[in-house]
């Protein structure tokens, strides 16, 4: 029995060494980034189950999505390898769809991902983008946008600071 435990521990250490991470960092969090060039008015639709969403307008001609994936700490501690697999799976196939100038960030669909993982987003978009954001559980902040903004959260705080086109100053809405 003791030999079997040692073998499992050696396998875990080998896997962690292969990826260059400690058990906590492999199991607890990960990230991905995705950028897409936009030609014309961008439409950004974000639907997030769990995690904060920040959308900022800037003088850019692309949409850049930075995401931080977190796996529930209790799950990470009880099964760090499975938690790492959840993060790897999300990174391999992020919930982002691009169709022309429409960028859609979708809620996680796989049951284990929805149950144990959350994703927080920071998204940089052209100032004139149309932005629609909904988070079930997480704060939403949208700033620097001259286009139409629709931002909601079921349980988090929502802050919208639109750029006033006439004056070029931030105006809290």
N, C-alpha and C. Protein backbone atom coordinates (compact mmCIF):
# COMPACT_ATOMS: atom_id res chain seq x y z
N UNK A 1 0.82 -1.19 0.00
CA UNK A 1 0.00 0.00 0.00
C UNK A 1 0.88 1.26 0.00
N UNK A 2 1.89 1.30 0.86
CA UNK A 2 2.80 2.44 0.95
C UNK A 2 3.54 2.63 -0.38
N UNK A 3 3.92 1.54 -1.01
CA UNK A 3 4.61 1.60 -2.29
C UNK A 3 3.71 2.24 -3.35
N UNK A 4 2.44 1.91 -3.34
CA UNK A 4 1.48 2.46 -4.30
C UNK A 4 1.35 3.98 -4.11
N UNK A 5 1.31 4.45 -2.87
CA UNK A 5 1.23 5.89 -2.59
C UNK A 5 2.48 6.60 -3.11
N UNK A 6 3.65 5.98 -2.89
CA UNK A 6 4.89 6.59 -3.36
C UNK A 6 4.91 6.69 -4.89
N UNK A 7 4.44 5.66 -5.55
CA UNK A 7 4.38 5.68 -7.02
C UNK A 7 3.50 6.82 -7.51
N UNK A 8 2.33 7.00 -6.88
CA UNK A 8 1.44 8.10 -7.28
C UNK A 8 2.09 9.45 -7.04
N UNK A 9 2.78 9.60 -5.91
CA UNK A 9 3.45 10.85 -5.60
C UNK A 9 4.56 11.14 -6.62
N UNK A 10 5.32 10.13 -6.97
CA UNK A 10 6.38 10.30 -7.96
C UNK A 10 5.78 10.72 -9.31
N UNK A 11 4.68 10.11 -9.71
CA UNK A 11 4.01 10.49 -10.96
C UNK A 11 3.56 11.93 -10.92
N UNK A 12 2.96 12.36 -9.80
CA UNK A 12 2.50 13.74 -9.67
C UNK A 12 3.66 14.71 -9.76
N UNK A 13 4.75 14.43 -9.05
CA UNK A 13 5.93 15.30 -9.09
C UNK A 13 6.49 15.35 -10.51
N UNK A 14 6.51 14.24 -11.21
CA UNK A 14 7.02 14.21 -12.58
C UNK A 14 6.16 15.06 -13.51
N UNK A 15 4.86 14.96 -13.35
CA UNK A 15 3.95 15.76 -14.18
C UNK A 15 4.16 17.24 -13.89
N UNK A 16 4.24 17.59 -12.62
CA UNK A 16 4.44 18.99 -12.25
C UNK A 16 5.78 19.51 -12.75
N UNK A 17 6.82 18.72 -12.65
CA UNK A 17 8.13 19.12 -13.15
C UNK A 17 8.10 19.31 -14.65
N UNK A 18 7.38 18.45 -15.34
CA UNK A 18 7.26 18.54 -16.79
C UNK A 18 6.65 19.88 -17.19
N UNK A 19 5.64 20.33 -16.45
CA UNK A 19 4.98 21.58 -16.77
C UNK A 19 5.64 22.77 -16.08
N UNK A 20 6.56 22.53 -15.16
CA UNK A 20 7.27 23.62 -14.51
C UNK A 20 6.41 24.39 -13.52
N UNK A 21 5.46 23.74 -12.88
CA UNK A 21 4.56 24.42 -11.94
C UNK A 21 4.51 23.65 -10.64
N UNK A 22 4.15 24.37 -9.59
CA UNK A 22 3.84 23.69 -8.33
C UNK A 22 2.43 23.16 -8.42
N UNK A 23 2.04 22.29 -7.52
CA UNK A 23 0.69 21.73 -7.54
C UNK A 23 -0.34 22.83 -7.41
N UNK A 24 -0.09 23.81 -6.55
CA UNK A 24 -1.07 24.88 -6.34
C UNK A 24 -1.25 25.73 -7.59
N UNK A 25 -0.13 26.10 -8.25
CA UNK A 25 -0.27 26.97 -9.40
C UNK A 25 -0.86 26.23 -10.59
N UNK A 26 -0.55 24.94 -10.75
CA UNK A 26 -1.12 24.18 -11.85
C UNK A 26 -2.61 23.99 -11.68
N UNK A 27 -3.02 23.72 -10.46
CA UNK A 27 -4.42 23.39 -10.22
C UNK A 27 -5.28 24.61 -10.03
N UNK A 28 -4.75 25.70 -9.51
CA UNK A 28 -5.58 26.81 -9.09
C UNK A 28 -5.90 27.82 -10.19
N UNK A 29 -4.99 28.10 -11.10
CA UNK A 29 -5.26 29.17 -12.05
C UNK A 29 -4.52 28.98 -13.37
N UNK A 30 -4.98 29.71 -14.34
CA UNK A 30 -4.36 29.73 -15.66
C UNK A 30 -4.86 30.96 -16.39
N UNK A 31 -4.40 31.17 -17.60
CA UNK A 31 -4.85 32.34 -18.35
C UNK A 31 -4.75 32.07 -19.85
N UNK A 32 -5.45 32.91 -20.59
CA UNK A 32 -5.28 32.89 -22.04
C UNK A 32 -5.50 34.30 -22.55
N UNK A 33 -4.97 34.55 -23.73
CA UNK A 33 -5.15 35.85 -24.39
C UNK A 33 -5.48 35.60 -25.85
N UNK A 34 -6.39 36.40 -26.36
CA UNK A 34 -6.80 36.26 -27.75
C UNK A 34 -7.01 37.67 -28.31
N UNK A 35 -6.48 37.93 -29.51
CA UNK A 35 -6.65 39.22 -30.17
C UNK A 35 -7.17 39.00 -31.57
N UNK A 36 -8.00 39.93 -32.02
CA UNK A 36 -8.53 39.87 -33.37
C UNK A 36 -8.61 41.29 -33.93
N UNK A 37 -8.12 41.46 -35.18
CA UNK A 37 -8.20 42.76 -35.84
C UNK A 37 -9.65 43.03 -36.24
N UNK A 38 -10.04 44.28 -36.10
CA UNK A 38 -11.42 44.67 -36.41
C UNK A 38 -11.37 45.75 -37.50
N UNK A 39 -12.18 45.57 -38.53
CA UNK A 39 -12.29 46.55 -39.61
C UNK A 39 -13.72 47.06 -39.60
N UNK A 40 -13.94 48.22 -39.01
CA UNK A 40 -15.29 48.75 -38.88
C UNK A 40 -15.74 48.72 -37.43
N UNK A 41 -17.04 48.91 -37.23
CA UNK A 41 -17.60 48.97 -35.87
C UNK A 41 -17.65 47.57 -35.25
N UNK A 42 -17.09 47.46 -34.07
CA UNK A 42 -17.06 46.17 -33.37
C UNK A 42 -18.31 46.00 -32.52
N UNK A 43 -18.77 44.77 -32.42
CA UNK A 43 -19.87 44.40 -31.52
C UNK A 43 -19.30 43.35 -30.57
N UNK A 44 -19.38 43.65 -29.29
CA UNK A 44 -18.81 42.78 -28.27
C UNK A 44 -19.96 42.26 -27.41
N UNK A 45 -20.14 40.95 -27.38
CA UNK A 45 -21.18 40.32 -26.55
C UNK A 45 -20.48 39.39 -25.56
N UNK A 46 -20.67 39.67 -24.27
CA UNK A 46 -20.04 38.86 -23.23
C UNK A 46 -21.13 38.32 -22.31
N UNK A 47 -21.11 37.01 -22.11
CA UNK A 47 -22.00 36.36 -21.17
C UNK A 47 -21.12 35.49 -20.27
N UNK A 48 -21.03 35.84 -19.00
CA UNK A 48 -20.11 35.14 -18.10
C UNK A 48 -20.87 34.62 -16.90
N UNK A 49 -20.64 33.37 -16.56
CA UNK A 49 -21.31 32.73 -15.42
C UNK A 49 -20.71 33.22 -14.10
N UNK A 50 -19.39 33.19 -14.00
CA UNK A 50 -18.73 33.52 -12.74
C UNK A 50 -17.39 34.18 -13.02
N UNK A 51 -17.23 35.39 -12.48
CA UNK A 51 -15.99 36.14 -12.66
C UNK A 51 -16.26 37.55 -13.09
N UNK A 52 -15.32 38.43 -12.82
CA UNK A 52 -15.46 39.84 -13.18
C UNK A 52 -15.24 40.04 -14.68
N UNK A 53 -15.86 41.09 -15.21
CA UNK A 53 -15.66 41.46 -16.61
C UNK A 53 -15.35 42.95 -16.65
N UNK A 54 -14.20 43.30 -17.23
CA UNK A 54 -13.81 44.69 -17.42
C UNK A 54 -13.64 44.90 -18.92
N UNK A 55 -14.36 45.89 -19.46
CA UNK A 55 -14.23 46.23 -20.88
C UNK A 55 -13.79 47.69 -20.95
N UNK A 56 -12.68 47.93 -21.64
CA UNK A 56 -12.16 49.29 -21.78
C UNK A 56 -12.08 49.65 -23.26
N UNK A 57 -12.51 50.86 -23.57
CA UNK A 57 -12.38 51.38 -24.92
C UNK A 57 -11.04 52.08 -25.06
N UNK A 58 -10.45 51.95 -26.23
CA UNK A 58 -9.17 52.61 -26.48
C UNK A 58 -9.02 52.94 -27.94
N UNK A 59 -7.96 53.64 -28.26
CA UNK A 59 -7.67 53.99 -29.65
C UNK A 59 -6.95 52.82 -30.31
N UNK A 60 -7.71 51.76 -30.55
CA UNK A 60 -7.17 50.51 -31.11
C UNK A 60 -8.05 50.06 -32.26
N UNK A 61 -7.50 49.21 -33.12
CA UNK A 61 -8.26 48.65 -34.23
C UNK A 61 -8.38 47.14 -34.10
N UNK A 62 -8.30 46.66 -32.87
CA UNK A 62 -8.46 45.23 -32.60
C UNK A 62 -9.13 45.04 -31.26
N UNK A 63 -9.59 43.83 -31.03
CA UNK A 63 -10.15 43.45 -29.73
C UNK A 63 -9.14 42.49 -29.09
N UNK A 64 -8.76 42.80 -27.87
CA UNK A 64 -7.84 41.94 -27.12
C UNK A 64 -8.54 41.45 -25.86
N UNK A 65 -8.59 40.14 -25.71
CA UNK A 65 -9.25 39.52 -24.56
C UNK A 65 -8.18 38.85 -23.72
N UNK A 66 -8.08 39.27 -22.47
CA UNK A 66 -7.19 38.61 -21.51
C UNK A 66 -8.08 37.96 -20.47
N UNK A 67 -7.84 36.70 -20.21
CA UNK A 67 -8.70 35.96 -19.29
C UNK A 67 -7.87 35.26 -18.22
N UNK A 68 -8.39 35.27 -17.02
CA UNK A 68 -7.77 34.53 -15.90
C UNK A 68 -8.76 33.48 -15.44
N UNK A 69 -8.32 32.23 -15.49
CA UNK A 69 -9.16 31.09 -15.12
C UNK A 69 -8.80 30.68 -13.69
N UNK A 70 -9.81 30.52 -12.86
CA UNK A 70 -9.61 30.05 -11.49
C UNK A 70 -10.46 28.82 -11.27
N UNK A 71 -9.88 27.81 -10.62
CA UNK A 71 -10.63 26.62 -10.26
C UNK A 71 -10.88 26.68 -8.76
N UNK A 72 -12.09 26.31 -8.36
CA UNK A 72 -12.49 26.31 -6.96
C UNK A 72 -11.40 25.69 -6.10
N UNK A 73 -11.04 26.40 -5.04
CA UNK A 73 -9.92 25.97 -4.18
C UNK A 73 -10.13 24.58 -3.58
N UNK A 74 -11.35 24.28 -3.16
CA UNK A 74 -11.61 22.96 -2.58
C UNK A 74 -11.38 21.86 -3.60
N UNK A 75 -11.81 22.08 -4.83
CA UNK A 75 -11.60 21.09 -5.89
C UNK A 75 -10.12 20.97 -6.22
N UNK A 76 -9.44 22.11 -6.26
CA UNK A 76 -8.00 22.11 -6.57
C UNK A 76 -7.22 21.31 -5.54
N UNK A 77 -7.61 21.44 -4.28
CA UNK A 77 -6.88 20.73 -3.23
C UNK A 77 -7.17 19.24 -3.25
N UNK A 78 -8.41 18.85 -3.53
CA UNK A 78 -8.74 17.43 -3.50
C UNK A 78 -8.26 16.69 -4.74
N UNK A 79 -8.22 17.36 -5.88
CA UNK A 79 -7.77 16.69 -7.10
C UNK A 79 -7.05 17.69 -8.02
N UNK A 80 -5.80 18.03 -7.69
CA UNK A 80 -5.08 19.04 -8.47
C UNK A 80 -4.87 18.66 -9.93
N UNK A 81 -4.74 17.38 -10.23
CA UNK A 81 -4.55 16.99 -11.64
C UNK A 81 -5.81 17.24 -12.46
N UNK A 82 -6.98 16.90 -11.91
CA UNK A 82 -8.22 17.18 -12.63
C UNK A 82 -8.46 18.68 -12.76
N UNK A 83 -8.11 19.43 -11.72
CA UNK A 83 -8.25 20.89 -11.80
C UNK A 83 -7.35 21.43 -12.91
N UNK A 84 -6.14 20.91 -13.00
CA UNK A 84 -5.23 21.32 -14.07
C UNK A 84 -5.77 20.96 -15.45
N UNK A 85 -6.44 19.81 -15.54
CA UNK A 85 -7.04 19.41 -16.82
C UNK A 85 -8.17 20.36 -17.22
N UNK A 86 -8.94 20.83 -16.25
CA UNK A 86 -10.02 21.79 -16.54
C UNK A 86 -9.40 23.06 -17.13
N UNK A 87 -8.36 23.57 -16.47
CA UNK A 87 -7.71 24.78 -16.95
C UNK A 87 -7.13 24.57 -18.35
N UNK A 88 -6.45 23.46 -18.56
CA UNK A 88 -5.87 23.17 -19.88
C UNK A 88 -6.94 23.08 -20.95
N UNK A 89 -8.05 22.46 -20.62
CA UNK A 89 -9.14 22.32 -21.58
C UNK A 89 -9.71 23.68 -21.98
N UNK A 90 -9.91 24.54 -21.00
CA UNK A 90 -10.44 25.89 -21.29
C UNK A 90 -9.43 26.68 -22.12
N UNK A 91 -8.14 26.58 -21.80
CA UNK A 91 -7.12 27.29 -22.55
C UNK A 91 -7.04 26.81 -24.00
N UNK A 92 -7.19 25.49 -24.20
CA UNK A 92 -7.15 24.92 -25.56
C UNK A 92 -8.34 25.37 -26.39
N UNK A 93 -9.48 25.49 -25.75
CA UNK A 93 -10.70 25.85 -26.46
C UNK A 93 -11.45 26.94 -25.68
N UNK A 94 -10.92 28.17 -25.70
CA UNK A 94 -11.56 29.24 -24.93
C UNK A 94 -12.96 29.53 -25.44
N UNK A 95 -13.84 29.99 -24.56
CA UNK A 95 -15.24 30.24 -24.94
C UNK A 95 -15.40 31.57 -25.69
N UNK A 96 -14.64 31.73 -26.77
CA UNK A 96 -14.64 32.97 -27.56
C UNK A 96 -14.93 32.62 -29.01
N UNK A 97 -15.93 33.27 -29.57
CA UNK A 97 -16.29 33.08 -30.99
C UNK A 97 -16.09 34.41 -31.72
N UNK A 98 -15.58 34.36 -32.93
CA UNK A 98 -15.38 35.56 -33.73
C UNK A 98 -16.08 35.37 -35.06
N UNK A 99 -16.97 36.31 -35.37
CA UNK A 99 -17.71 36.26 -36.62
C UNK A 99 -17.69 37.66 -37.22
N UNK A 100 -16.73 37.90 -38.12
CA UNK A 100 -16.58 39.23 -38.69
C UNK A 100 -16.17 40.21 -37.60
N UNK A 101 -16.96 41.25 -37.40
CA UNK A 101 -16.67 42.25 -36.38
C UNK A 101 -17.38 41.97 -35.06
N UNK A 102 -18.05 40.84 -34.98
CA UNK A 102 -18.73 40.45 -33.73
C UNK A 102 -17.83 39.48 -32.97
N UNK A 103 -17.57 39.84 -31.72
CA UNK A 103 -16.79 38.98 -30.83
C UNK A 103 -17.72 38.55 -29.70
N UNK A 104 -17.88 37.24 -29.56
CA UNK A 104 -18.79 36.70 -28.56
C UNK A 104 -17.97 35.90 -27.54
N UNK A 105 -18.08 36.31 -26.28
CA UNK A 105 -17.47 35.57 -25.18
C UNK A 105 -18.61 34.88 -24.47
N UNK A 106 -18.59 33.54 -24.48
CA UNK A 106 -19.73 32.77 -23.99
C UNK A 106 -19.48 32.20 -22.61
N UNK A 107 -20.55 31.85 -21.95
CA UNK A 107 -20.49 31.14 -20.68
C UNK A 107 -19.91 29.75 -20.91
N UNK A 108 -19.17 29.25 -19.95
CA UNK A 108 -18.66 27.88 -20.04
C UNK A 108 -19.84 26.93 -20.15
N UNK A 109 -19.71 25.91 -20.99
CA UNK A 109 -20.83 24.99 -21.21
C UNK A 109 -20.63 23.62 -20.59
N UNK A 110 -19.41 23.15 -20.52
CA UNK A 110 -19.16 21.82 -19.96
C UNK A 110 -19.47 21.83 -18.46
N UNK A 111 -20.19 20.82 -17.99
CA UNK A 111 -20.67 20.78 -16.61
C UNK A 111 -19.56 20.97 -15.58
N UNK A 112 -18.47 20.23 -15.70
CA UNK A 112 -17.40 20.35 -14.70
C UNK A 112 -16.75 21.73 -14.76
N UNK A 113 -16.66 22.32 -15.94
CA UNK A 113 -16.09 23.65 -16.07
C UNK A 113 -17.00 24.67 -15.38
N UNK A 114 -18.28 24.59 -15.66
CA UNK A 114 -19.24 25.52 -15.05
C UNK A 114 -19.26 25.39 -13.54
N UNK A 115 -19.14 24.17 -13.06
CA UNK A 115 -19.25 23.91 -11.63
C UNK A 115 -18.02 24.35 -10.84
N UNK A 116 -16.82 24.15 -11.40
CA UNK A 116 -15.60 24.36 -10.64
C UNK A 116 -14.74 25.54 -11.10
N UNK A 117 -14.99 26.09 -12.27
CA UNK A 117 -14.11 27.14 -12.80
C UNK A 117 -14.84 28.47 -12.93
N UNK A 118 -14.09 29.54 -12.78
CA UNK A 118 -14.59 30.88 -13.08
C UNK A 118 -13.56 31.56 -13.97
N UNK A 119 -14.03 32.50 -14.78
CA UNK A 119 -13.12 33.24 -15.65
C UNK A 119 -13.39 34.72 -15.47
N UNK A 120 -12.32 35.47 -15.20
CA UNK A 120 -12.41 36.93 -15.17
C UNK A 120 -11.77 37.46 -16.45
N UNK A 121 -12.42 38.45 -17.05
CA UNK A 121 -11.96 38.98 -18.34
C UNK A 121 -11.58 40.44 -18.23
N UNK A 122 -10.54 40.80 -18.97
CA UNK A 122 -10.20 42.19 -19.25
C UNK A 122 -10.16 42.29 -20.76
N UNK A 123 -11.02 43.13 -21.32
CA UNK A 123 -11.17 43.20 -22.77
C UNK A 123 -10.95 44.63 -23.23
N UNK A 124 -10.02 44.81 -24.17
CA UNK A 124 -9.74 46.12 -24.75
C UNK A 124 -10.37 46.15 -26.14
N UNK A 125 -11.19 47.19 -26.40
CA UNK A 125 -11.94 47.28 -27.66
C UNK A 125 -11.80 48.68 -28.24
N UNK A 126 -12.12 48.85 -29.54
CA UNK A 126 -12.18 50.20 -30.09
C UNK A 126 -13.24 51.03 -29.36
N UNK A 127 -13.00 52.31 -29.20
CA UNK A 127 -13.92 53.18 -28.45
C UNK A 127 -15.35 53.15 -28.98
N UNK A 128 -15.51 53.03 -30.30
CA UNK A 128 -16.85 53.10 -30.88
C UNK A 128 -17.58 51.76 -30.89
N UNK A 129 -17.06 50.79 -30.18
CA UNK A 129 -17.68 49.46 -30.14
C UNK A 129 -19.04 49.50 -29.46
N UNK A 130 -19.91 48.58 -29.89
CA UNK A 130 -21.16 48.32 -29.17
C UNK A 130 -20.83 47.21 -28.18
N UNK A 131 -21.16 47.42 -26.91
CA UNK A 131 -20.76 46.48 -25.87
C UNK A 131 -21.98 45.99 -25.10
N UNK A 132 -22.14 44.67 -25.04
CA UNK A 132 -23.21 44.03 -24.28
C UNK A 132 -22.54 43.04 -23.33
N UNK A 133 -22.70 43.25 -22.02
CA UNK A 133 -22.04 42.40 -21.03
C UNK A 133 -23.07 41.96 -20.00
N UNK A 134 -23.06 40.65 -19.69
CA UNK A 134 -23.87 40.13 -18.59
C UNK A 134 -23.03 39.13 -17.81
N UNK A 135 -23.00 39.31 -16.50
CA UNK A 135 -22.33 38.36 -15.61
C UNK A 135 -23.35 37.88 -14.59
N UNK A 136 -23.44 36.58 -14.42
CA UNK A 136 -24.34 36.03 -13.42
C UNK A 136 -23.78 36.33 -12.04
N UNK A 137 -22.49 36.05 -11.84
CA UNK A 137 -21.87 36.25 -10.54
C UNK A 137 -20.51 36.90 -10.73
N UNK A 138 -20.47 38.21 -10.66
CA UNK A 138 -19.21 38.93 -10.82
C UNK A 138 -19.46 40.38 -11.15
N UNK A 139 -18.52 41.23 -10.80
CA UNK A 139 -18.63 42.65 -11.10
C UNK A 139 -18.41 42.90 -12.58
N UNK A 140 -19.04 43.97 -13.08
CA UNK A 140 -18.90 44.38 -14.48
C UNK A 140 -18.49 45.85 -14.49
N UNK A 141 -17.45 46.16 -15.25
CA UNK A 141 -17.02 47.56 -15.42
C UNK A 141 -16.76 47.81 -16.89
N UNK A 142 -17.39 48.85 -17.42
CA UNK A 142 -17.20 49.25 -18.81
C UNK A 142 -16.80 50.72 -18.79
N UNK A 143 -15.73 51.07 -19.51
CA UNK A 143 -15.29 52.46 -19.54
C UNK A 143 -14.69 52.81 -20.90
N UNK A 144 -14.77 54.11 -21.22
CA UNK A 144 -14.14 54.63 -22.42
C UNK A 144 -14.81 54.26 -23.73
N UNK A 145 -16.10 53.96 -23.70
CA UNK A 145 -16.84 53.53 -24.90
C UNK A 145 -17.75 54.66 -25.36
N UNK A 146 -17.73 54.96 -26.67
CA UNK A 146 -18.66 55.94 -27.22
C UNK A 146 -19.89 55.26 -27.83
N UNK A 147 -19.77 53.98 -28.11
CA UNK A 147 -20.89 53.22 -28.67
C UNK A 147 -21.90 52.85 -27.61
N UNK A 148 -22.92 52.13 -28.04
CA UNK A 148 -23.99 51.69 -27.12
C UNK A 148 -23.44 50.67 -26.12
N UNK A 149 -23.86 50.82 -24.85
CA UNK A 149 -23.41 49.92 -23.80
C UNK A 149 -24.62 49.38 -23.06
N UNK A 150 -24.63 48.07 -22.86
CA UNK A 150 -25.64 47.40 -22.04
C UNK A 150 -24.87 46.48 -21.10
N UNK A 151 -24.86 46.81 -19.80
CA UNK A 151 -24.07 46.05 -18.83
C UNK A 151 -24.94 45.66 -17.64
N UNK A 152 -24.95 44.36 -17.31
CA UNK A 152 -25.75 43.87 -16.19
C UNK A 152 -24.99 42.77 -15.43
N UNK A 153 -25.37 42.60 -14.18
CA UNK A 153 -24.86 41.50 -13.37
C UNK A 153 -25.97 41.09 -12.41
N UNK A 154 -26.17 39.78 -12.25
CA UNK A 154 -27.20 39.31 -11.32
C UNK A 154 -26.80 39.55 -9.87
N UNK A 155 -25.51 39.39 -9.55
CA UNK A 155 -25.10 39.51 -8.14
C UNK A 155 -23.90 40.43 -7.93
N UNK A 156 -23.36 41.03 -8.97
CA UNK A 156 -22.18 41.88 -8.82
C UNK A 156 -22.50 43.34 -9.05
N UNK A 157 -21.51 44.16 -8.80
CA UNK A 157 -21.62 45.61 -9.00
C UNK A 157 -21.39 45.92 -10.48
N UNK A 158 -22.17 46.87 -11.02
CA UNK A 158 -22.03 47.29 -12.42
C UNK A 158 -21.62 48.75 -12.44
N UNK A 159 -20.52 49.05 -13.14
CA UNK A 159 -20.06 50.42 -13.29
C UNK A 159 -19.86 50.70 -14.77
N UNK A 160 -20.47 51.78 -15.25
CA UNK A 160 -20.30 52.19 -16.64
C UNK A 160 -19.84 53.64 -16.65
N UNK A 161 -18.69 53.89 -17.24
CA UNK A 161 -18.16 55.24 -17.40
C UNK A 161 -17.99 55.46 -18.89
N UNK A 162 -18.97 56.11 -19.51
CA UNK A 162 -18.93 56.32 -20.96
C UNK A 162 -18.12 57.56 -21.31
N UNK A 163 -17.44 57.52 -22.44
CA UNK A 163 -16.69 58.65 -22.93
C UNK A 163 -17.65 59.60 -23.62
N UNK A 164 -17.71 60.83 -23.15
CA UNK A 164 -18.57 61.85 -23.75
C UNK A 164 -17.94 62.31 -25.05
N UNK A 165 -18.60 62.03 -26.17
CA UNK A 165 -18.03 62.35 -27.49
C UNK A 165 -17.79 63.83 -27.67
N UNK A 166 -18.69 64.68 -27.18
CA UNK A 166 -18.58 66.12 -27.40
C UNK A 166 -17.39 66.73 -26.65
N UNK A 167 -17.15 66.26 -25.44
CA UNK A 167 -16.11 66.86 -24.62
C UNK A 167 -14.85 66.02 -24.52
N UNK A 168 -14.94 64.73 -24.85
CA UNK A 168 -13.78 63.85 -24.75
C UNK A 168 -13.40 63.53 -23.32
N UNK A 169 -14.34 63.65 -22.40
CA UNK A 169 -14.06 63.38 -20.98
C UNK A 169 -14.89 62.19 -20.52
N UNK A 170 -14.42 61.56 -19.47
CA UNK A 170 -15.19 60.46 -18.91
C UNK A 170 -16.39 61.02 -18.17
N UNK A 171 -17.54 60.39 -18.42
CA UNK A 171 -18.78 60.80 -17.78
C UNK A 171 -19.40 59.56 -17.17
N UNK A 172 -19.50 59.51 -15.86
CA UNK A 172 -20.05 58.32 -15.20
C UNK A 172 -21.56 58.26 -15.43
N UNK A 173 -21.99 57.14 -16.00
CA UNK A 173 -23.42 56.97 -16.28
C UNK A 173 -24.04 56.04 -15.27
